[in-house]
Amino acid sequence: MIEELKAKLSDEAARLQHELNVTLPNEIRKAVEHGDLRENSEYKAALERQQFVQARLGHLHSRLSKLSSIDPSQIPEDRVGLGSIVVVEDEKNGARETYNLVFGDAIEFQEGFVSMGSPIGRALLGKAVGEVAILKLPATTRRLKVIELTTIHQQ
């Protein structure tokens, strides 16, 4: 999971680096050839895109650095952690839900994917099968019992 994430972020960084070094300079050059830059919307759009790409590249490099520092041997094998797939049962109504704990904004979230920094992710983190996670929400408090757990080591 971590290697897949690093590969995905590296691919995006490579695309953005190409855009920053090749595509955007060409667009800026073409816009400059049109003349008066004060009222040149293509020029302004290219500069804004350039700033966005530079900021996104900085963010991606930061995320890649953090991912590289993760030591998979430090992720528990019997408790909820990064990459765990957790099946929980709501003690109040018996409903079962499955969550996959992922790393922040690094992937497109799909149904059932939760960030470790989200309220439910923080509540589940470190729990073992049979333990109850208490999720405090503004309107209520949920008690979620961990029924099944598949850690990153078992996948």
N, C-alpha and C. Protein backbone atom coordinates (compact mmCIF):
# COMPACT_ATOMS: atom_id res chain seq x y z
N MET A 1 0.82 -1.19 0.00
CA MET A 1 0.00 0.00 0.00
C MET A 1 0.86 1.26 0.00
N ILE A 2 1.88 1.28 0.83
CA ILE A 2 2.74 2.47 0.92
C ILE A 2 3.50 2.66 -0.39
N GLU A 3 3.99 1.56 -0.96
CA GLU A 3 4.74 1.65 -2.22
C GLU A 3 3.83 2.10 -3.36
N GLU A 4 2.60 1.60 -3.38
CA GLU A 4 1.64 2.03 -4.41
C GLU A 4 1.37 3.52 -4.30
N LEU A 5 1.20 3.98 -3.08
CA LEU A 5 0.95 5.39 -2.83
C LEU A 5 2.13 6.25 -3.27
N LYS A 6 3.34 5.80 -2.94
CA LYS A 6 4.53 6.54 -3.35
C LYS A 6 4.64 6.57 -4.88
N ALA A 7 4.33 5.47 -5.54
CA ALA A 7 4.38 5.43 -7.00
C ALA A 7 3.36 6.39 -7.61
N LYS A 8 2.17 6.41 -7.05
CA LYS A 8 1.12 7.31 -7.56
C LYS A 8 1.52 8.77 -7.39
N LEU A 9 2.03 9.12 -6.23
CA LEU A 9 2.46 10.50 -5.99
C LEU A 9 3.65 10.87 -6.86
N SER A 10 4.57 9.94 -7.07
CA SER A 10 5.73 10.19 -7.93
C SER A 10 5.30 10.42 -9.37
N ASP A 11 4.31 9.66 -9.84
CA ASP A 11 3.79 9.85 -11.20
C ASP A 11 3.17 11.23 -11.36
N GLU A 12 2.38 11.63 -10.37
CA GLU A 12 1.77 12.96 -10.44
C GLU A 12 2.83 14.04 -10.41
N ALA A 13 3.86 13.87 -9.57
CA ALA A 13 4.95 14.84 -9.49
C ALA A 13 5.68 14.94 -10.82
N ALA A 14 5.90 13.81 -11.47
CA ALA A 14 6.59 13.82 -12.77
C ALA A 14 5.76 14.55 -13.82
N ARG A 15 4.44 14.31 -13.84
CA ARG A 15 3.57 15.01 -14.80
C ARG A 15 3.59 16.52 -14.55
N LEU A 16 3.50 16.89 -13.29
CA LEU A 16 3.50 18.32 -12.96
C LEU A 16 4.85 18.96 -13.27
N GLN A 17 5.93 18.24 -13.03
CA GLN A 17 7.27 18.76 -13.33
C GLN A 17 7.41 19.02 -14.83
N HIS A 18 6.89 18.11 -15.65
CA HIS A 18 6.91 18.28 -17.11
C HIS A 18 6.09 19.51 -17.50
N GLU A 19 4.91 19.63 -16.89
CA GLU A 19 4.06 20.79 -17.18
C GLU A 19 4.77 22.08 -16.80
N LEU A 20 5.42 22.09 -15.64
CA LEU A 20 6.12 23.28 -15.16
C LEU A 20 7.31 23.64 -16.05
N ASN A 21 8.04 22.64 -16.52
CA ASN A 21 9.26 22.90 -17.28
C ASN A 21 9.06 23.01 -18.78
N VAL A 22 7.98 22.42 -19.32
CA VAL A 22 7.81 22.40 -20.78
C VAL A 22 6.53 23.12 -21.21
N THR A 23 5.39 22.66 -20.73
CA THR A 23 4.11 23.16 -21.20
C THR A 23 3.87 24.61 -20.84
N LEU A 24 4.01 24.94 -19.57
CA LEU A 24 3.72 26.30 -19.13
C LEU A 24 4.67 27.34 -19.73
N PRO A 25 5.98 27.10 -19.83
CA PRO A 25 6.83 28.09 -20.49
C PRO A 25 6.40 28.35 -21.94
N ASN A 26 5.95 27.31 -22.64
CA ASN A 26 5.46 27.49 -24.01
C ASN A 26 4.20 28.36 -24.04
N GLU A 27 3.29 28.11 -23.10
CA GLU A 27 2.06 28.91 -23.03
C GLU A 27 2.38 30.36 -22.69
N ILE A 28 3.30 30.56 -21.77
CA ILE A 28 3.67 31.94 -21.39
C ILE A 28 4.33 32.64 -22.57
N ARG A 29 5.21 31.94 -23.27
CA ARG A 29 5.89 32.53 -24.43
C ARG A 29 4.87 32.93 -25.49
N LYS A 30 3.88 32.07 -25.79
CA LYS A 30 2.85 32.39 -26.79
C LYS A 30 2.02 33.59 -26.35
N ALA A 31 1.71 33.64 -25.05
CA ALA A 31 0.92 34.76 -24.53
C ALA A 31 1.69 36.06 -24.62
N VAL A 32 2.99 36.03 -24.38
CA VAL A 32 3.82 37.23 -24.46
C VAL A 32 3.87 37.74 -25.89
N GLU A 33 3.85 36.83 -26.85
CA GLU A 33 3.89 37.21 -28.27
C GLU A 33 2.64 37.97 -28.68
N HIS A 34 1.54 37.81 -27.94
CA HIS A 34 0.30 38.52 -28.27
C HIS A 34 0.37 40.00 -27.92
N GLY A 35 1.35 40.40 -27.17
CA GLY A 35 1.50 41.82 -26.87
C GLY A 35 1.14 42.19 -25.45
N ASP A 36 0.43 43.29 -25.30
CA ASP A 36 0.09 43.92 -24.02
C ASP A 36 -0.28 42.89 -22.94
N LEU A 37 0.60 42.76 -21.94
CA LEU A 37 0.41 41.74 -20.91
C LEU A 37 -0.60 42.16 -19.84
N ARG A 38 -0.89 43.45 -19.74
CA ARG A 38 -1.82 43.92 -18.71
C ARG A 38 -3.22 43.38 -18.91
N GLU A 39 -3.63 43.18 -20.14
CA GLU A 39 -4.98 42.71 -20.43
C GLU A 39 -4.96 41.37 -21.15
N ASN A 40 -3.92 40.59 -20.92
CA ASN A 40 -3.76 39.31 -21.60
C ASN A 40 -4.18 38.19 -20.65
N SER A 41 -5.39 37.68 -20.85
CA SER A 41 -5.94 36.67 -19.94
C SER A 41 -5.18 35.34 -20.04
N GLU A 42 -4.68 34.99 -21.23
CA GLU A 42 -3.91 33.76 -21.38
C GLU A 42 -2.63 33.82 -20.54
N TYR A 43 -2.00 34.98 -20.55
CA TYR A 43 -0.76 35.17 -19.78
C TYR A 43 -1.05 35.03 -18.28
N LYS A 44 -2.11 35.69 -17.82
CA LYS A 44 -2.47 35.63 -16.40
C LYS A 44 -2.85 34.20 -15.99
N ALA A 45 -3.58 33.52 -16.85
CA ALA A 45 -3.99 32.15 -16.54
C ALA A 45 -2.76 31.23 -16.47
N ALA A 46 -1.83 31.40 -17.36
CA ALA A 46 -0.61 30.57 -17.36
C ALA A 46 0.22 30.83 -16.11
N LEU A 47 0.32 32.10 -15.70
CA LEU A 47 1.07 32.42 -14.48
C LEU A 47 0.39 31.83 -13.24
N GLU A 48 -0.94 31.92 -13.19
CA GLU A 48 -1.67 31.35 -12.06
C GLU A 48 -1.50 29.83 -12.01
N ARG A 49 -1.55 29.20 -13.17
CA ARG A 49 -1.36 27.75 -13.23
C ARG A 49 0.06 27.39 -12.79
N GLN A 50 1.02 28.20 -13.19
CA GLN A 50 2.41 27.96 -12.81
C GLN A 50 2.56 28.01 -11.28
N GLN A 51 1.93 28.99 -10.65
CA GLN A 51 1.99 29.09 -9.19
C GLN A 51 1.32 27.89 -8.53
N PHE A 52 0.18 27.46 -9.08
CA PHE A 52 -0.51 26.30 -8.53
C PHE A 52 0.36 25.06 -8.64
N VAL A 53 0.95 24.84 -9.81
CA VAL A 53 1.78 23.65 -10.04
C VAL A 53 2.98 23.65 -9.10
N GLN A 54 3.59 24.80 -8.90
CA GLN A 54 4.73 24.87 -7.97
C GLN A 54 4.30 24.53 -6.55
N ALA A 55 3.15 25.03 -6.12
CA ALA A 55 2.66 24.73 -4.78
C ALA A 55 2.32 23.25 -4.64
N ARG A 56 1.67 22.68 -5.63
CA ARG A 56 1.31 21.27 -5.59
C ARG A 56 2.56 20.39 -5.58
N LEU A 57 3.56 20.75 -6.36
CA LEU A 57 4.82 19.99 -6.36
C LEU A 57 5.47 20.01 -4.99
N GLY A 58 5.47 21.16 -4.34
CA GLY A 58 6.01 21.26 -2.99
C GLY A 58 5.27 20.35 -2.03
N HIS A 59 3.95 20.33 -2.15
CA HIS A 59 3.13 19.47 -1.30
C HIS A 59 3.43 18.00 -1.58
N LEU A 60 3.52 17.62 -2.85
CA LEU A 60 3.80 16.22 -3.20
C LEU A 60 5.16 15.77 -2.69
N HIS A 61 6.16 16.63 -2.83
CA HIS A 61 7.49 16.27 -2.34
C HIS A 61 7.49 16.10 -0.82
N SER A 62 6.72 16.92 -0.13
CA SER A 62 6.59 16.80 1.32
C SER A 62 5.93 15.47 1.70
N ARG A 63 4.86 15.12 1.00
CA ARG A 63 4.15 13.87 1.27
C ARG A 63 5.04 12.67 0.98
N LEU A 64 5.79 12.73 -0.13
CA LEU A 64 6.70 11.63 -0.46
C LEU A 64 7.77 11.46 0.61
N SER A 65 8.25 12.58 1.12
CA SER A 65 9.26 12.52 2.18
C SER A 65 8.68 11.85 3.43
N LYS A 66 7.45 12.21 3.79
CA LYS A 66 6.81 11.60 4.96
C LYS A 66 6.56 10.12 4.75
N LEU A 67 6.13 9.75 3.54
CA LEU A 67 5.89 8.34 3.24
C LEU A 67 7.18 7.53 3.31
N SER A 68 8.27 8.12 2.86
CA SER A 68 9.55 7.42 2.88
C SER A 68 10.03 7.17 4.30
N SER A 69 9.58 7.99 5.23
CA SER A 69 10.04 7.83 6.62
C SER A 69 9.20 6.82 7.41
N ILE A 70 8.14 6.29 6.80
CA ILE A 70 7.31 5.30 7.49
C ILE A 70 8.03 3.96 7.51
N ASP A 71 8.13 3.39 8.69
CA ASP A 71 8.76 2.09 8.86
C ASP A 71 7.65 1.06 9.06
N PRO A 72 7.39 0.21 8.04
CA PRO A 72 6.30 -0.76 8.16
C PRO A 72 6.44 -1.69 9.37
N SER A 73 7.64 -1.91 9.85
CA SER A 73 7.80 -2.78 11.01
C SER A 73 7.27 -2.12 12.28
N GLN A 74 7.05 -0.81 12.25
CA GLN A 74 6.50 -0.10 13.40
C GLN A 74 4.97 -0.10 13.42
N ILE A 75 4.35 -0.61 12.34
CA ILE A 75 2.90 -0.70 12.29
C ILE A 75 2.50 -1.99 12.98
N PRO A 76 1.63 -1.92 13.99
CA PRO A 76 1.27 -3.13 14.74
C PRO A 76 0.60 -4.19 13.87
N GLU A 77 0.85 -5.45 14.20
CA GLU A 77 0.29 -6.56 13.42
C GLU A 77 -1.04 -7.05 13.97
N ASP A 78 -1.39 -6.63 15.21
CA ASP A 78 -2.62 -7.12 15.82
C ASP A 78 -3.56 -5.99 16.23
N ARG A 79 -3.25 -4.79 15.82
CA ARG A 79 -4.07 -3.63 16.17
C ARG A 79 -4.30 -2.77 14.93
N VAL A 80 -5.32 -1.93 14.99
CA VAL A 80 -5.66 -1.05 13.87
C VAL A 80 -4.53 -0.04 13.68
N GLY A 81 -4.08 0.09 12.44
CA GLY A 81 -3.04 1.05 12.08
C GLY A 81 -3.17 1.40 10.61
N LEU A 82 -2.18 2.08 10.06
CA LEU A 82 -2.17 2.46 8.66
C LEU A 82 -2.39 1.25 7.77
N GLY A 83 -3.34 1.35 6.85
CA GLY A 83 -3.60 0.28 5.91
C GLY A 83 -4.52 -0.81 6.41
N SER A 84 -4.98 -0.72 7.64
CA SER A 84 -5.86 -1.75 8.19
C SER A 84 -7.25 -1.67 7.58
N ILE A 85 -7.84 -2.84 7.41
CA ILE A 85 -9.25 -2.94 7.02
C ILE A 85 -9.98 -3.44 8.26
N VAL A 86 -10.93 -2.64 8.72
CA VAL A 86 -11.59 -2.91 9.99
C VAL A 86 -13.10 -3.07 9.78
N VAL A 87 -13.65 -4.14 10.33
CA VAL A 87 -15.10 -4.32 10.34
C VAL A 87 -15.55 -4.05 11.76
N VAL A 88 -16.47 -3.08 11.89
CA VAL A 88 -16.97 -2.71 13.21
C VAL A 88 -18.48 -2.93 13.26
N GLU A 89 -18.97 -3.10 14.49
CA GLU A 89 -20.40 -3.24 14.70
C GLU A 89 -20.84 -2.17 15.68
N ASP A 90 -21.84 -1.41 15.29
CA ASP A 90 -22.39 -0.37 16.16
C ASP A 90 -23.15 -1.08 17.28
N GLU A 91 -22.75 -0.84 18.53
CA GLU A 91 -23.39 -1.53 19.67
C GLU A 91 -24.85 -1.13 19.85
N LYS A 92 -25.22 0.06 19.35
CA LYS A 92 -26.59 0.54 19.54
C LYS A 92 -27.58 -0.14 18.60
N ASN A 93 -27.24 -0.22 17.31
CA ASN A 93 -28.19 -0.76 16.34
C ASN A 93 -27.71 -2.04 15.64
N GLY A 94 -26.50 -2.50 15.94
CA GLY A 94 -25.99 -3.75 15.37
C GLY A 94 -25.52 -3.65 13.93
N ALA A 95 -25.54 -2.45 13.36
CA ALA A 95 -25.11 -2.28 11.97
C ALA A 95 -23.60 -2.49 11.85
N ARG A 96 -23.21 -3.19 10.78
CA ARG A 96 -21.79 -3.44 10.53
C ARG A 96 -21.29 -2.51 9.43
N GLU A 97 -20.10 -2.00 9.64
CA GLU A 97 -19.48 -1.11 8.67
C GLU A 97 -18.03 -1.54 8.51
N THR A 98 -17.49 -1.34 7.29
CA THR A 98 -16.10 -1.67 7.01
C THR A 98 -15.36 -0.40 6.66
N TYR A 99 -14.21 -0.21 7.28
CA TYR A 99 -13.37 0.95 7.03
C TYR A 99 -11.96 0.52 6.66
N ASN A 100 -11.36 1.27 5.76
CA ASN A 100 -9.98 1.06 5.38
C ASN A 100 -9.22 2.32 5.77
N LEU A 101 -8.29 2.21 6.72
CA LEU A 101 -7.56 3.38 7.19
C LEU A 101 -6.44 3.72 6.21
N VAL A 102 -6.46 4.95 5.75
CA VAL A 102 -5.49 5.41 4.76
C VAL A 102 -4.80 6.67 5.26
N PHE A 103 -3.84 7.10 4.48
CA PHE A 103 -3.00 8.23 4.82
C PHE A 103 -3.59 9.51 4.24
N GLY A 104 -4.21 10.32 5.05
CA GLY A 104 -4.65 11.67 4.72
C GLY A 104 -5.18 11.90 3.33
N ASP A 105 -4.63 12.92 2.65
CA ASP A 105 -5.12 13.34 1.36
C ASP A 105 -4.39 12.70 0.20
N ALA A 106 -3.69 11.62 0.48
CA ALA A 106 -2.81 11.04 -0.53
C ALA A 106 -3.54 10.22 -1.58
N ILE A 107 -4.78 9.85 -1.37
CA ILE A 107 -5.50 9.09 -2.38
C ILE A 107 -6.89 9.67 -2.55
N GLU A 108 -7.55 9.26 -3.61
CA GLU A 108 -8.94 9.65 -3.78
C GLU A 108 -9.75 8.77 -2.84
N PHE A 109 -10.54 9.38 -2.02
CA PHE A 109 -11.30 8.60 -1.05
C PHE A 109 -12.48 7.94 -1.74
N GLN A 110 -12.65 6.68 -1.42
CA GLN A 110 -13.77 5.91 -1.92
C GLN A 110 -14.64 5.57 -0.71
N GLU A 111 -15.78 5.00 -0.98
CA GLU A 111 -16.65 4.59 0.12
C GLU A 111 -15.90 3.64 1.04
N GLY A 112 -15.93 3.91 2.34
CA GLY A 112 -15.29 3.04 3.31
C GLY A 112 -13.85 3.41 3.62
N PHE A 113 -13.25 4.32 2.87
CA PHE A 113 -11.89 4.75 3.15
C PHE A 113 -11.95 5.93 4.11
N VAL A 114 -11.18 5.85 5.19
CA VAL A 114 -11.14 6.96 6.14
C VAL A 114 -9.68 7.30 6.44
N SER A 115 -9.44 8.56 6.65
CA SER A 115 -8.11 9.03 7.01
C SER A 115 -7.84 8.69 8.47
N MET A 116 -6.58 8.41 8.77
CA MET A 116 -6.22 8.12 10.16
C MET A 116 -6.40 9.37 11.03
N GLY A 117 -6.42 10.54 10.42
CA GLY A 117 -6.59 11.77 11.18
C GLY A 117 -8.04 12.18 11.36
N SER A 118 -8.97 11.47 10.72
CA SER A 118 -10.39 11.78 10.86
C SER A 118 -10.87 11.31 12.23
N PRO A 119 -12.01 11.80 12.70
CA PRO A 119 -12.51 11.36 14.01
C PRO A 119 -12.67 9.84 14.12
N ILE A 120 -13.20 9.20 13.09
CA ILE A 120 -13.37 7.74 13.18
C ILE A 120 -12.03 7.04 13.10
N GLY A 121 -11.11 7.57 12.30
CA GLY A 121 -9.77 6.99 12.20
C GLY A 121 -9.04 7.07 13.53
N ARG A 122 -9.12 8.23 14.19
CA ARG A 122 -8.46 8.39 15.49
C ARG A 122 -9.09 7.48 16.54
N ALA A 123 -10.41 7.29 16.47
CA ALA A 123 -11.09 6.43 17.45
C ALA A 123 -10.68 4.96 17.26
N LEU A 124 -10.49 4.53 16.02
CA LEU A 124 -10.16 3.14 15.75
C LEU A 124 -8.68 2.82 15.93
N LEU A 125 -7.83 3.81 15.76
CA LEU A 125 -6.39 3.60 15.79
C LEU A 125 -5.95 2.92 17.10
N GLY A 126 -5.23 1.82 16.97
CA GLY A 126 -4.70 1.11 18.13
C GLY A 126 -5.64 0.09 18.75
N LYS A 127 -6.85 -0.03 18.23
CA LYS A 127 -7.81 -1.00 18.79
C LYS A 127 -7.54 -2.39 18.23
N ALA A 128 -7.84 -3.41 19.04
CA ALA A 128 -7.70 -4.81 18.63
C ALA A 128 -9.10 -5.41 18.49
N VAL A 129 -9.16 -6.61 17.93
CA VAL A 129 -10.45 -7.30 17.78
C VAL A 129 -11.07 -7.49 19.16
N GLY A 130 -12.36 -7.14 19.26
CA GLY A 130 -13.07 -7.27 20.52
C GLY A 130 -13.13 -5.98 21.32
N GLU A 131 -12.25 -5.03 21.02
CA GLU A 131 -12.25 -3.76 21.75
C GLU A 131 -13.30 -2.83 21.17
N VAL A 132 -13.71 -1.86 21.98
CA VAL A 132 -14.72 -0.90 21.57
C VAL A 132 -14.08 0.46 21.37
N ALA A 133 -14.36 1.05 20.20
CA ALA A 133 -13.90 2.41 19.90
C ALA A 133 -15.06 3.35 20.19
N ILE A 134 -14.79 4.41 20.92
CA ILE A 134 -15.82 5.39 21.24
C ILE A 134 -15.62 6.59 20.33
N LEU A 135 -16.62 6.83 19.49
CA LEU A 135 -16.59 7.91 18.52
C LEU A 135 -17.52 9.01 18.98
N LYS A 136 -16.94 10.13 19.41
CA LYS A 136 -17.75 11.25 19.88
C LYS A 136 -18.04 12.18 18.71
N LEU A 137 -19.32 12.31 18.41
CA LEU A 137 -19.80 13.18 17.33
C LEU A 137 -20.58 14.33 17.95
N PRO A 138 -20.77 15.41 17.21
CA PRO A 138 -21.51 16.55 17.79
C PRO A 138 -22.90 16.18 18.30
N ALA A 139 -23.61 15.32 17.58
CA ALA A 139 -24.98 15.01 17.97
C ALA A 139 -25.10 13.79 18.88
N THR A 140 -24.11 12.90 18.85
CA THR A 140 -24.21 11.65 19.60
C THR A 140 -22.83 11.06 19.85
N THR A 141 -22.82 10.00 20.60
CA THR A 141 -21.59 9.22 20.80
C THR A 141 -21.87 7.81 20.32
N ARG A 142 -21.01 7.31 19.43
CA ARG A 142 -21.17 5.96 18.91
C ARG A 142 -20.14 5.03 19.56
N ARG A 143 -20.57 3.82 19.83
CA ARG A 143 -19.68 2.78 20.36
C ARG A 143 -19.56 1.73 19.28
N LEU A 144 -18.35 1.59 18.74
CA LEU A 144 -18.10 0.67 17.64
C LEU A 144 -17.18 -0.46 18.11
N LYS A 145 -17.68 -1.68 18.07
CA LYS A 145 -16.89 -2.84 18.48
C LYS A 145 -16.16 -3.40 17.26
N VAL A 146 -14.85 -3.61 17.40
CA VAL A 146 -14.05 -4.15 16.31
C VAL A 146 -14.35 -5.65 16.21
N ILE A 147 -14.90 -6.06 15.07
CA ILE A 147 -15.30 -7.45 14.84
C ILE A 147 -14.22 -8.20 14.07
N GLU A 148 -13.70 -7.58 13.02
CA GLU A 148 -12.66 -8.19 12.19
C GLU A 148 -11.58 -7.16 11.92
N LEU A 149 -10.35 -7.65 11.75
CA LEU A 149 -9.24 -6.76 11.48
C LEU A 149 -8.25 -7.43 10.53
N THR A 150 -7.94 -6.74 9.45
CA THR A 150 -6.90 -7.18 8.53
C THR A 150 -5.88 -6.06 8.46
N THR A 151 -4.68 -6.33 8.95
CA THR A 151 -3.65 -5.28 8.97
C THR A 151 -2.89 -5.25 7.65
N ILE A 152 -2.06 -4.24 7.47
CA ILE A 152 -1.27 -4.07 6.27
C ILE A 152 -0.33 -5.26 6.07
N HIS A 153 0.06 -5.91 7.15
CA HIS A 153 0.96 -7.06 7.07
C HIS A 153 0.27 -8.31 6.52
N GLN A 154 -1.04 -8.38 6.67
CA GLN A 154 -1.79 -9.56 6.25
C GLN A 154 -2.34 -9.44 4.83
N GLN A 155 -2.25 -8.27 4.24
CA GLN A 155 -2.81 -8.05 2.91
C GLN A 155 -1.87 -8.49 1.82
